[in-house]
Amino acid sequence: MRIAVTGSIATDHLMTFPGKFTDQLIADKLDRVSLSFLVDELAIRRGGVAANIAFGLGVLGLQPLLVGGVGADFVDYRRWLEDHGVSTAGVRESLLKHTARFVCTTDTEGNQIGSFYAGAMSEDADIKLAPLAAEHGGIDLVLVGAGDPGAMVAQTADPSQQLARILGDEQVRSLVDGADYLFGNEYEEALIERKSGWGGAEMLDRVGVRITTLGAGGARIERKGEPVISVPAVPDAKPVDPTGSGDAFRSGFLAAVAWGLPLERAAQLGNLMAVHALEAIGPQEYNMKPGPLAERFAAAYGDEAAAEVAAHLPA
């Protein structure tokens, strides 16, 4: 199965301020703020929803097609993704703009000041999937990840992070209606229902499979006329950084779907990939080795389940 992943491709510039932002604010001068912070640390992480999901699919051997806009500064990032099994043939380089970038400073209290530059992502609507499919021997499944709203509607679903920000009610309905798989966490699930005006039962009339991630509660799978499948989380997770764990879940789930495994296995592999991301600093910094992955899968879900998944893992 050939999977194309659309959405944001970005880099995160994360800094740490060894103090409290509130100590620098003067209550009666907040209408004229002019501040700078001397930071201790700078971490540059590869990110973006589409790139994170494609990375996970790549390390699982699926050779996904990444689709999105980048700038001329994407050279090293492109090499990284290709080295991890991702085809960047669907990546369009902007002539005018840089790759999307998130710049964020965090103080000792966990407060954050950040900015997101959309950059080349704002041109994603210019990328057409049909010519890409024809050029690369067809596309079996397209994951529409969070990115430029116009591109998401044009490519239509996985609205995720754009739900609360930009997408209007009609856009949400357009994205969701007819989706084979609809991913979201509990908050996003409630927001999708509110914005679409469709309750849980009607939602199942409009999508094939609804997957809700529940954090430490695992995942829930719903289909019209079928019993709900509840899959517990991987035990003994050691959280370090939650960034990208939802993206990793999607990559594991879709990999299992591509291998023809049942939905329960798909959610189990999704949970395990999410834990890999959760236990690393950065959404693409985890080390996925087939042997240890199969062993941990067996410990979480049993030997038989692990054997079914291990048969498809890359050597």
Foldseek 3Di string as FASTA:
>chain_A
DEEEEEAAWEKEKEFEAAADPVVVDDVVCVVPDDDDTDTDDIDIFTDILRLLLQLLLLQQPNQYEYAAEAEPVCVVVCVVSVVSRYHPPRYHYDPPWHGKYKYWYAYPVRDIDIDIDQTRLLVRLVRDVVVVQVVPVHHDYYAQDHTHLNNLLSPAHENEPCLVPDDALVSLLSRQFQAQEYEYEPVVVVSSCVSPVNDPQVSLVGYAKYKYQYVQQFIWIDHPPDDIDGAGAQPPQDFDDQPQLQSQLVSQLVSCVVVVHDNNLSSLRSRLSSSQCRRDDHSNPGDDDLVVSLVSSCVRPNNVSSVVSSVSGDD
